[in-house]
Amino acid sequence: MYVVCVAVSVKPSSIAQFITATLDNARHSRQEPGNVRFDVLQAEEDPARFTLYEAYLSKDDFAKHQQTEHYLRWKQAVAEWMAQPRQAVRHRSVFWGNEE
């Protein structure tokens, strides 16, 4: 499993637009054959901070995701709404699901 966690700080005036664009990307991403999970999280104490939790079967599946029309549309749309550049941390899964 290949997991990417993306931290995003959004300008307060752009929160609603960011959520709409990000949900569109998430819904389309979940339909990709290599996508296992795509969660959109909003910080409880700071509604302008988001975490995107994305899980793919492989690193190649994530690379394919970054070439999709919906991802490229999202990337372009949200660029001006960010308060600072987004930060992604990529992970290899050590323990996943119900493994024993």
PDB file of N, CA and C in Angstrom:
ATOM      1  N   MET A   1       0.844  -1.168   0.000  1.00  0.00           N
ATOM      2  CA  MET A   1       0.000   0.000   0.000  1.00  0.00           C
ATOM      3  C   MET A   1       0.892   1.234   0.000  1.00  0.00           C
ATOM      4  N   TYR A   2       0.469   2.255  -0.718  1.00  0.00           N
ATOM      5  CA  TYR A   2       1.208   3.512  -0.813  1.00  0.00           C
ATOM      6  C   TYR A   2       0.272   4.626  -0.369  1.00  0.00           C
ATOM      7  N   VAL A   3       0.667   5.381   0.647  1.00  0.00           N
ATOM      8  CA  VAL A   3      -0.194   6.396   1.247  1.00  0.00           C
ATOM      9  C   VAL A   3       0.466   7.767   1.145  1.00  0.00           C
ATOM     10  N   VAL A   4      -0.338   8.748   0.784  1.00  0.00           N
ATOM     11  CA  VAL A   4       0.123  10.129   0.719  1.00  0.00           C
ATOM     12  C   VAL A   4      -0.792  10.972   1.600  1.00  0.00           C
ATOM     13  N   CYS A   5      -0.188  11.737   2.513  1.00  0.00           N
ATOM     14  CA  CYS A   5      -0.925  12.668   3.361  1.00  0.00           C
ATOM     15  C   CYS A   5      -0.525  14.083   2.949  1.00  0.00           C
ATOM     16  N   VAL A   6      -1.511  14.858   2.549  1.00  0.00           N
ATOM     17  CA  VAL A   6      -1.249  16.207   2.060  1.00  0.00           C
ATOM     18  C   VAL A   6      -1.838  17.213   3.041  1.00  0.00           C
ATOM     19  N   ALA A   7      -0.993  18.097   3.561  1.00  0.00           N
ATOM     20  CA  ALA A   7      -1.430  19.163   4.457  1.00  0.00           C
ATOM     21  C   ALA A   7      -1.640  20.428   3.629  1.00  0.00           C
ATOM     22  N   VAL A   8      -2.830  21.027   3.788  1.00  0.00           N
ATOM     23  CA  VAL A   8      -3.170  22.206   2.997  1.00  0.00           C
ATOM     24  C   VAL A   8      -3.699  23.292   3.926  1.00  0.00           C
ATOM     25  N   SER A   9      -3.139  24.492   3.775  1.00  0.00           N
ATOM     26  CA  SER A   9      -3.658  25.672   4.469  1.00  0.00           C
ATOM     27  C   SER A   9      -4.333  26.544   3.419  1.00  0.00           C
ATOM     28  N   VAL A  10      -5.598  26.830   3.647  1.00  0.00           N
ATOM     29  CA  VAL A  10      -6.414  27.562   2.681  1.00  0.00           C
ATOM     30  C   VAL A  10      -6.700  28.966   3.215  1.00  0.00           C
ATOM     31  N   LYS A  11      -6.773  29.925   2.308  1.00  0.00           N
ATOM     32  CA  LYS A  11      -7.183  31.268   2.707  1.00  0.00           C
ATOM     33  C   LYS A  11      -8.617  31.177   3.243  1.00  0.00           C
ATOM     34  N   PRO A  12      -8.888  31.797   4.397  1.00  0.00           N
ATOM     35  CA  PRO A  12     -10.223  31.690   4.994  1.00  0.00           C
ATOM     36  C   PRO A  12     -11.355  32.045   4.024  1.00  0.00           C
ATOM     37  N   SER A  13     -11.135  32.994   3.157  1.00  0.00           N
ATOM     38  CA  SER A  13     -12.186  33.410   2.213  1.00  0.00           C
ATOM     39  C   SER A  13     -12.429  32.377   1.112  1.00  0.00           C
ATOM     40  N   SER A  14     -11.571  31.373   1.019  1.00  0.00           N
ATOM     41  CA  SER A  14     -11.664  30.379  -0.060  1.00  0.00           C
ATOM     42  C   SER A  14     -12.045  28.984   0.424  1.00  0.00           C
ATOM     43  N   ILE A  15     -12.400  28.849   1.699  1.00  0.00           N
ATOM     44  CA  ILE A  15     -12.675  27.526   2.263  1.00  0.00           C
ATOM     45  C   ILE A  15     -13.793  26.800   1.511  1.00  0.00           C
ATOM     46  N   ALA A  16     -14.905  27.459   1.281  1.00  0.00           N
ATOM     47  CA  ALA A  16     -16.044  26.799   0.618  1.00  0.00           C
ATOM     48  C   ALA A  16     -15.676  26.346  -0.790  1.00  0.00           C
ATOM     49  N   GLN A  17     -14.987  27.190  -1.531  1.00  0.00           N
ATOM     50  CA  GLN A  17     -14.566  26.834  -2.898  1.00  0.00           C
ATOM     51  C   GLN A  17     -13.589  25.658  -2.860  1.00  0.00           C
ATOM     52  N   PHE A  18     -12.674  25.698  -1.916  1.00  0.00           N
ATOM     53  CA  PHE A  18     -11.692  24.622  -1.796  1.00  0.00           C
ATOM     54  C   PHE A  18     -12.387  23.296  -1.509  1.00  0.00           C
ATOM     55  N   ILE A  19     -13.338  23.300  -0.599  1.00  0.00           N
ATOM     56  CA  ILE A  19     -14.055  22.068  -0.257  1.00  0.00           C
ATOM     57  C   ILE A  19     -14.783  21.525  -1.485  1.00  0.00           C
ATOM     58  N   THR A  20     -15.469  22.374  -2.220  1.00  0.00           N
ATOM     59  CA  THR A  20     -16.194  21.924  -3.415  1.00  0.00           C
ATOM     60  C   THR A  20     -15.249  21.289  -4.427  1.00  0.00           C
ATOM     61  N   ALA A  21     -14.148  21.945  -4.726  1.00  0.00           N
ATOM     62  CA  ALA A  21     -13.182  21.420  -5.703  1.00  0.00           C
ATOM     63  C   ALA A  21     -12.530  20.137  -5.200  1.00  0.00           C
ATOM     64  N   THR A  22     -12.232  20.084  -3.915  1.00  0.00           N
ATOM     65  CA  THR A  22     -11.550  18.922  -3.349  1.00  0.00           C
ATOM     66  C   THR A  22     -12.475  17.716  -3.289  1.00  0.00           C
ATOM     67  N   LEU A  23     -13.741  17.917  -2.987  1.00  0.00           N
ATOM     68  CA  LEU A  23     -14.688  16.802  -2.990  1.00  0.00           C
ATOM     69  C   LEU A  23     -14.872  16.249  -4.398  1.00  0.00           C
ATOM     70  N   ASP A  24     -14.858  17.105  -5.396  1.00  0.00           N
ATOM     71  CA  ASP A  24     -14.930  16.639  -6.784  1.00  0.00           C
ATOM     72  C   ASP A  24     -13.727  15.749  -7.091  1.00  0.00           C
ATOM     73  N   ASN A  25     -12.548  16.196  -6.708  1.00  0.00           N
ATOM     74  CA  ASN A  25     -11.338  15.405  -6.938  1.00  0.00           C
ATOM     75  C   ASN A  25     -11.396  14.090  -6.162  1.00  0.00           C
ATOM     76  N   ALA A  26     -11.828  14.142  -4.920  1.00  0.00           N
ATOM     77  CA  ALA A  26     -11.880  12.933  -4.089  1.00  0.00           C
ATOM     78  C   ALA A  26     -12.857  11.903  -4.664  1.00  0.00           C
ATOM     79  N   ARG A  27     -14.021  12.357  -5.067  1.00  0.00           N
ATOM     80  CA  ARG A  27     -15.022  11.427  -5.618  1.00  0.00           C
ATOM     81  C   ARG A  27     -14.520  10.753  -6.889  1.00  0.00           C
ATOM     82  N   HIS A  28     -13.883  11.520  -7.759  1.00  0.00           N
ATOM     83  CA  HIS A  28     -13.326  10.931  -8.976  1.00  0.00           C
ATOM     84  C   HIS A  28     -12.135  10.017  -8.658  1.00  0.00           C
ATOM     85  N   SER A  29     -11.329  10.412  -7.687  1.00  0.00           N
ATOM     86  CA  SER A  29     -10.162   9.604  -7.319  1.00  0.00           C
ATOM     87  C   SER A  29     -10.578   8.242  -6.795  1.00  0.00           C
ATOM     88  N   ARG A  30     -11.657   8.194  -6.034  1.00  0.00           N
ATOM     89  CA  ARG A  30     -12.131   6.922  -5.489  1.00  0.00           C
ATOM     90  C   ARG A  30     -12.569   5.949  -6.584  1.00  0.00           C
ATOM     91  N   GLN A  31     -12.817   6.455  -7.774  1.00  0.00           N
ATOM     92  CA  GLN A  31     -13.202   5.601  -8.895  1.00  0.00           C
ATOM     93  C   GLN A  31     -11.999   5.056  -9.665  1.00  0.00           C
ATOM     94  N   GLU A  32     -10.798   5.537  -9.357  1.00  0.00           N
ATOM     95  CA  GLU A  32      -9.599   5.048 -10.024  1.00  0.00           C
ATOM     96  C   GLU A  32      -9.335   3.610  -9.583  1.00  0.00           C
ATOM     97  N   PRO A  33      -8.925   2.733 -10.510  1.00  0.00           N
ATOM     98  CA  PRO A  33      -8.700   1.320 -10.158  1.00  0.00           C
ATOM     99  C   PRO A  33      -7.679   1.116  -9.031  1.00  0.00           C
ATOM    100  N   GLY A  34      -6.656   1.964  -8.947  1.00  0.00           N
ATOM    101  CA  GLY A  34      -5.619   1.783  -7.936  1.00  0.00           C
ATOM    102  C   GLY A  34      -5.855   2.510  -6.637  1.00  0.00           C
ATOM    103  N   ASN A  35      -6.952   3.253  -6.538  1.00  0.00           N
ATOM    104  CA  ASN A  35      -7.226   4.004  -5.316  1.00  0.00           C
ATOM    105  C   ASN A  35      -7.978   3.135  -4.320  1.00  0.00           C
ATOM    106  N   VAL A  36      -7.498   3.126  -3.085  1.00  0.00           N
ATOM    107  CA  VAL A  36      -8.128   2.370  -2.012  1.00  0.00           C
ATOM    108  C   VAL A  36      -8.936   3.297  -1.109  1.00  0.00           C
ATOM    109  N   ARG A  37      -8.445   4.532  -0.947  1.00  0.00           N
ATOM    110  CA  ARG A  37      -9.082   5.457  -0.012  1.00  0.00           C
ATOM    111  C   ARG A  37      -8.688   6.882  -0.371  1.00  0.00           C
ATOM    112  N   PHE A  38      -9.608   7.810  -0.174  1.00  0.00           N
ATOM    113  CA  PHE A  38      -9.315   9.236  -0.346  1.00  0.00           C
ATOM    114  C   PHE A  38     -10.200   9.973   0.642  1.00  0.00           C
ATOM    115  N   ASP A  39      -9.621  10.405   1.745  1.00  0.00           N
ATOM    116  CA  ASP A  39     -10.362  11.114   2.785  1.00  0.00           C
ATOM    117  C   ASP A  39      -9.989  12.588   2.769  1.00  0.00           C
ATOM    118  N   VAL A  40     -10.968  13.432   2.992  1.00  0.00           N
ATOM    119  CA  VAL A  40     -10.757  14.872   3.098  1.00  0.00           C
ATOM    120  C   VAL A  40     -11.085  15.256   4.532  1.00  0.00           C
ATOM    121  N   LEU A  41     -10.091  15.753   5.254  1.00  0.00           N
ATOM    122  CA  LEU A  41     -10.241  16.082   6.669  1.00  0.00           C
ATOM    123  C   LEU A  41     -10.059  17.584   6.879  1.00  0.00           C
ATOM    124  N   GLN A  42     -10.914  18.168   7.705  1.00  0.00           N
ATOM    125  CA  GLN A  42     -10.823  19.586   8.045  1.00  0.00           C
ATOM    126  C   GLN A  42     -10.523  19.692   9.538  1.00  0.00           C
ATOM    127  N   ALA A  43      -9.518  20.483   9.885  1.00  0.00           N
ATOM    128  CA  ALA A  43      -9.111  20.617  11.287  1.00  0.00           C
ATOM    129  C   ALA A  43     -10.233  21.219  12.121  1.00  0.00           C
ATOM    130  N   GLU A  44     -10.445  20.635  13.268  1.00  0.00           N
ATOM    131  CA  GLU A  44     -11.509  21.091  14.168  1.00  0.00           C
ATOM    132  C   GLU A  44     -11.228  22.495  14.713  1.00  0.00           C
ATOM    133  N   GLU A  45      -9.987  22.747  15.080  1.00  0.00           N
ATOM    134  CA  GLU A  45      -9.650  24.028  15.699  1.00  0.00           C
ATOM    135  C   GLU A  45      -9.312  25.124  14.698  1.00  0.00           C
ATOM    136  N   ASP A  46      -9.035  24.748  13.442  1.00  0.00           N
ATOM    137  CA  ASP A  46      -8.701  25.730  12.407  1.00  0.00           C
ATOM    138  C   ASP A  46      -9.320  25.271  11.091  1.00  0.00           C
ATOM    139  N   PRO A  47     -10.519  25.729  10.774  1.00  0.00           N
ATOM    140  CA  PRO A  47     -11.222  25.250   9.590  1.00  0.00           C
ATOM    141  C   PRO A  47     -10.535  25.564   8.266  1.00  0.00           C
ATOM    142  N   ALA A  48      -9.472  26.341   8.294  1.00  0.00           N
ATOM    143  CA  ALA A  48      -8.720  26.645   7.070  1.00  0.00           C
ATOM    144  C   ALA A  48      -7.602  25.627   6.818  1.00  0.00           C
ATOM    145  N   ARG A  49      -7.460  24.643   7.703  1.00  0.00           N
ATOM    146  CA  ARG A  49      -6.420  23.615   7.555  1.00  0.00           C
ATOM    147  C   ARG A  49      -7.070  22.278   7.209  1.00  0.00           C
ATOM    148  N   PHE A  50      -6.528  21.638   6.193  1.00  0.00           N
ATOM    149  CA  PHE A  50      -7.061  20.380   5.685  1.00  0.00           C
ATOM    150  C   PHE A  50      -5.956  19.351   5.571  1.00  0.00           C
ATOM    151  N   THR A  51      -6.349  18.094   5.674  1.00  0.00           N
ATOM    152  CA  THR A  51      -5.459  16.980   5.385  1.00  0.00           C
ATOM    153  C   THR A  51      -6.179  16.091   4.374  1.00  0.00           C
ATOM    154  N   LEU A  52      -5.479  15.749   3.317  1.00  0.00           N
ATOM    155  CA  LEU A  52      -5.982  14.791   2.340  1.00  0.00           C
ATOM    156  C   LEU A  52      -5.237  13.496   2.585  1.00  0.00           C
ATOM    157  N   TYR A  53      -5.969  12.443   2.888  1.00  0.00           N
ATOM    158  CA  TYR A  53      -5.384  11.129   3.163  1.00  0.00           C
ATOM    159  C   TYR A  53      -5.719  10.242   1.968  1.00  0.00           C
ATOM    160  N   GLU A  54      -4.685   9.875   1.213  1.00  0.00           N
ATOM    161  CA  GLU A  54      -4.879   9.123  -0.019  1.00  0.00           C
ATOM    162  C   GLU A  54      -4.117   7.805   0.056  1.00  0.00           C
ATOM    163  N   ALA A  55      -4.799   6.713  -0.224  1.00  0.00           N
ATOM    164  CA  ALA A  55      -4.159   5.396  -0.214  1.00  0.00           C
ATOM    165  C   ALA A  55      -4.335   4.751  -1.590  1.00  0.00           C
ATOM    166  N   TYR A  56      -3.239   4.212  -2.092  1.00  0.00           N
ATOM    167  CA  TYR A  56      -3.214   3.566  -3.410  1.00  0.00           C
ATOM    168  C   TYR A  56      -2.591   2.182  -3.272  1.00  0.00           C
ATOM    169  N   LEU A  57      -2.920   1.313  -4.204  1.00  0.00           N
ATOM    170  CA  LEU A  57      -2.341  -0.025  -4.179  1.00  0.00           C
ATOM    171  C   LEU A  57      -0.836   0.013  -4.382  1.00  0.00           C
ATOM    172  N   SER A  58      -0.345   0.981  -5.159  1.00  0.00           N
ATOM    173  CA  SER A  58       1.094   1.069  -5.438  1.00  0.00           C
ATOM    174  C   SER A  58       1.498   2.515  -5.694  1.00  0.00           C
ATOM    175  N   LYS A  59       2.791   2.739  -5.677  1.00  0.00           N
ATOM    176  CA  LYS A  59       3.336   4.052  -5.991  1.00  0.00           C
ATOM    177  C   LYS A  59       2.989   4.435  -7.429  1.00  0.00           C
ATOM    178  N   ASP A  60       2.989   3.469  -8.323  1.00  0.00           N
ATOM    179  CA  ASP A  60       2.614   3.716  -9.719  1.00  0.00           C
ATOM    180  C   ASP A  60       1.164   4.174  -9.829  1.00  0.00           C
ATOM    181  N   ASP A  61       0.283   3.617  -9.011  1.00  0.00           N
ATOM    182  CA  ASP A  61      -1.120   4.043  -9.033  1.00  0.00           C
ATOM    183  C   ASP A  61      -1.244   5.503  -8.619  1.00  0.00           C
ATOM    184  N   PHE A  62      -0.435   5.929  -7.664  1.00  0.00           N
ATOM    185  CA  PHE A  62      -0.448   7.337  -7.267  1.00  0.00           C
ATOM    186  C   PHE A  62       0.062   8.212  -8.406  1.00  0.00           C
ATOM    187  N   ALA A  63       1.112   7.767  -9.079  1.00  0.00           N
ATOM    188  CA  ALA A  63       1.650   8.521 -10.220  1.00  0.00           C
ATOM    189  C   ALA A  63       0.597   8.652 -11.322  1.00  0.00           C
ATOM    190  N   LYS A  64      -0.158   7.597 -11.562  1.00  0.00           N
ATOM    191  CA  LYS A  64      -1.239   7.649 -12.553  1.00  0.00           C
ATOM    192  C   LYS A  64      -2.308   8.647 -12.122  1.00  0.00           C
ATOM    193  N   HIS A  65      -2.605   8.665 -10.829  1.00  0.00           N
ATOM    194  CA  HIS A  65      -3.588   9.616 -10.288  1.00  0.00           C
ATOM    195  C   HIS A  65      -3.184  11.049 -10.628  1.00  0.00           C
ATOM    196  N   GLN A  66      -1.908  11.353 -10.507  1.00  0.00           N
ATOM    197  CA  GLN A  66      -1.434  12.714 -10.745  1.00  0.00           C
ATOM    198  C   GLN A  66      -1.504  13.134 -12.216  1.00  0.00           C
ATOM    199  N   GLN A  67      -1.861  12.211 -13.086  1.00  0.00           N
ATOM    200  CA  GLN A  67      -2.015  12.516 -14.511  1.00  0.00           C
ATOM    201  C   GLN A  67      -3.484  12.596 -14.935  1.00  0.00           C
ATOM    202  N   THR A  68      -4.404  12.344 -14.005  1.00  0.00           N
ATOM    203  CA  THR A  68      -5.817  12.319 -14.360  1.00  0.00           C
ATOM    204  C   THR A  68      -6.354  13.733 -14.576  1.00  0.00           C
ATOM    205  N   GLU A  69      -7.416  13.803 -15.363  1.00  0.00           N
ATOM    206  CA  GLU A  69      -8.048  15.090 -15.638  1.00  0.00           C
ATOM    207  C   GLU A  69      -8.571  15.740 -14.361  1.00  0.00           C
ATOM    208  N   HIS A  70      -9.188  14.941 -13.481  1.00  0.00           N
ATOM    209  CA  HIS A  70      -9.758  15.529 -12.266  1.00  0.00           C
ATOM    210  C   HIS A  70      -8.688  16.059 -11.324  1.00  0.00           C
ATOM    211  N   TYR A  71      -7.541  15.369 -11.221  1.00  0.00           N
ATOM    212  CA  TYR A  71      -6.458  15.870 -10.358  1.00  0.00           C
ATOM    213  C   TYR A  71      -5.880  17.166 -10.926  1.00  0.00           C
ATOM    214  N   LEU A  72      -5.609  17.176 -12.225  1.00  0.00           N
ATOM    215  CA  LEU A  72      -5.026  18.369 -12.846  1.00  0.00           C
ATOM    216  C   LEU A  72      -5.981  19.554 -12.754  1.00  0.00           C
ATOM    217  N   ARG A  73      -7.289  19.305 -12.880  1.00  0.00           N
ATOM    218  CA  ARG A  73      -8.301  20.359 -12.732  1.00  0.00           C
ATOM    219  C   ARG A  73      -8.275  20.897 -11.300  1.00  0.00           C
ATOM    220  N   TRP A  74      -8.201  19.970 -10.322  1.00  0.00           N
ATOM    221  CA  TRP A  74      -8.149  20.367  -8.908  1.00  0.00           C
ATOM    222  C   TRP A  74      -6.898  21.192  -8.624  1.00  0.00           C
ATOM    223  N   LYS A  75      -5.759  20.699  -9.074  1.00  0.00           N
ATOM    224  CA  LYS A  75      -4.472  21.363  -8.813  1.00  0.00           C
ATOM    225  C   LYS A  75      -4.479  22.810  -9.310  1.00  0.00           C
ATOM    226  N   GLN A  76      -5.014  23.001 -10.499  1.00  0.00           N
ATOM    227  CA  GLN A  76      -5.070  24.350 -11.064  1.00  0.00           C
ATOM    228  C   GLN A  76      -6.057  25.223 -10.307  1.00  0.00           C
ATOM    229  N   ALA A  77      -7.221  24.672  -9.980  1.00  0.00           N
ATOM    230  CA  ALA A  77      -8.271  25.456  -9.317  1.00  0.00           C
ATOM    231  C   ALA A  77      -7.855  25.934  -7.936  1.00  0.00           C
ATOM    232  N   VAL A  78      -7.222  25.061  -7.148  1.00  0.00           N
ATOM    233  CA  VAL A  78      -6.962  25.403  -5.738  1.00  0.00           C
ATOM    234  C   VAL A  78      -5.696  26.222  -5.525  1.00  0.00           C
ATOM    235  N   ALA A  79      -4.850  26.332  -6.524  1.00  0.00           N
ATOM    236  CA  ALA A  79      -3.556  27.015  -6.354  1.00  0.00           C
ATOM    237  C   ALA A  79      -3.701  28.413  -5.767  1.00  0.00           C
ATOM    238  N   GLU A  80      -4.645  29.177  -6.249  1.00  0.00           N
ATOM    239  CA  GLU A  80      -4.796  30.560  -5.777  1.00  0.00           C
ATOM    240  C   GLU A  80      -5.501  30.647  -4.426  1.00  0.00           C
ATOM    241  N   TRP A  81      -6.106  29.548  -3.981  1.00  0.00           N
ATOM    242  CA  TRP A  81      -6.834  29.558  -2.714  1.00  0.00           C
ATOM    243  C   TRP A  81      -5.951  29.172  -1.528  1.00  0.00           C
ATOM    244  N   MET A  82      -4.750  28.724  -1.791  1.00  0.00           N
ATOM    245  CA  MET A  82      -3.878  28.249  -0.712  1.00  0.00           C
ATOM    246  C   MET A  82      -3.171  29.409  -0.023  1.00  0.00           C
ATOM    247  N   ALA A  83      -3.121  29.340   1.298  1.00  0.00           N
ATOM    248  CA  ALA A  83      -2.429  30.350   2.078  1.00  0.00           C
ATOM    249  C   ALA A  83      -0.921  30.142   2.039  1.00  0.00           C
ATOM    250  N   GLN A  84      -0.512  28.904   1.764  1.00  0.00           N
ATOM    251  CA  GLN A  84       0.907  28.533   1.623  1.00  0.00           C
ATOM    252  C   GLN A  84       0.954  27.267   0.784  1.00  0.00           C
ATOM    253  N   PRO A  85       2.113  26.933   0.233  1.00  0.00           N
ATOM    254  CA  PRO A  85       2.185  25.716  -0.593  1.00  0.00           C
ATOM    255  C   PRO A  85       1.799  24.469   0.204  1.00  0.00           C
ATOM    256  N   ARG A  86       1.087  23.565  -0.457  1.00  0.00           N
ATOM    257  CA  ARG A  86       0.698  22.322   0.215  1.00  0.00           C
ATOM    258  C   ARG A  86       1.943  21.464   0.448  1.00  0.00           C
ATOM    259  N   GLN A  87       1.859  20.615   1.460  1.00  0.00           N
ATOM    260  CA  GLN A  87       2.983  19.746   1.807  1.00  0.00           C
ATOM    261  C   GLN A  87       2.509  18.304   1.821  1.00  0.00           C
ATOM    262  N   ALA A  88       3.203  17.470   1.068  1.00  0.00           N
ATOM    263  CA  ALA A  88       2.838  16.056   0.987  1.00  0.00           C
ATOM    264  C   ALA A  88       3.915  15.203   1.638  1.00  0.00           C
ATOM    265  N   VAL A  89       3.464  14.225   2.404  1.00  0.00           N
ATOM    266  CA  VAL A  89       4.364  13.230   2.991  1.00  0.00           C
ATOM    267  C   VAL A  89       3.924  11.884   2.432  1.00  0.00           C
ATOM    268  N   ARG A  90       4.859  11.183   1.805  1.00  0.00           N
ATOM    269  CA  ARG A  90       4.559   9.899   1.179  1.00  0.00           C
ATOM    270  C   ARG A  90       5.012   8.766   2.090  1.00  0.00           C
ATOM    271  N   HIS A  91       4.204   7.709   2.143  1.00  0.00           N
ATOM    272  CA  HIS A  91       4.443   6.617   3.081  1.00  0.00           C
ATOM    273  C   HIS A  91       4.327   5.261   2.395  1.00  0.00           C
ATOM    274  N   ARG A  92       5.083   4.308   2.902  1.00  0.00           N
ATOM    275  CA  ARG A  92       4.882   2.892   2.586  1.00  0.00           C
ATOM    276  C   ARG A  92       4.134   2.300   3.774  1.00  0.00           C
ATOM    277  N   SER A  93       3.123   1.537   3.486  1.00  0.00           N
ATOM    278  CA  SER A  93       2.318   0.966   4.557  1.00  0.00           C
ATOM    279  C   SER A  93       3.082  -0.150   5.272  1.00  0.00           C
ATOM    280  N   VAL A  94       3.122  -0.071   6.588  1.00  0.00           N
ATOM    281  CA  VAL A  94       3.720  -1.115   7.408  1.00  0.00           C
ATOM    282  C   VAL A  94       2.626  -2.049   7.930  1.00  0.00           C
ATOM    283  N   PHE A  95       1.489  -1.470   8.277  1.00  0.00           N
ATOM    284  CA  PHE A  95       0.357  -2.241   8.790  1.00  0.00           C
ATOM    285  C   PHE A  95      -0.894  -1.665   8.170  1.00  0.00           C
ATOM    286  N   TRP A  96      -1.703  -2.485   7.540  1.00  0.00           N
ATOM    287  CA  TRP A  96      -2.880  -1.996   6.829  1.00  0.00           C
ATOM    288  C   TRP A  96      -4.087  -2.845   7.166  1.00  0.00           C
ATOM    289  N   GLY A  97      -5.184  -2.214   7.470  1.00  0.00           N
ATOM    290  CA  GLY A  97      -6.456  -2.914   7.636  1.00  0.00           C
ATOM    291  C   GLY A  97      -6.447  -3.945   8.760  1.00  0.00           C
ATOM    292  N   ASN A  98      -6.924  -5.142   8.439  1.00  0.00           N
ATOM    293  CA  ASN A  98      -7.090  -6.194   9.439  1.00  0.00           C
ATOM    294  C   ASN A  98      -5.954  -7.208   9.437  1.00  0.00           C
ATOM    295  N   GLU A  99      -4.789  -6.794   8.962  1.00  0.00           N
ATOM    296  CA  GLU A  99      -3.654  -7.718   8.952  1.00  0.00           C
ATOM    297  C   GLU A  99      -3.307  -8.119  10.382  1.00  0.00           C
ATOM    298  N   GLU A 100      -2.839  -9.344  10.525  1.00  0.00           N
ATOM    299  CA  GLU A 100      -2.432  -9.811  11.859  1.00  0.00           C
ATOM    300  C   GLU A 100      -0.962 -10.095  11.891  1.00  0.00           C
TER     301      GLU A 100
END
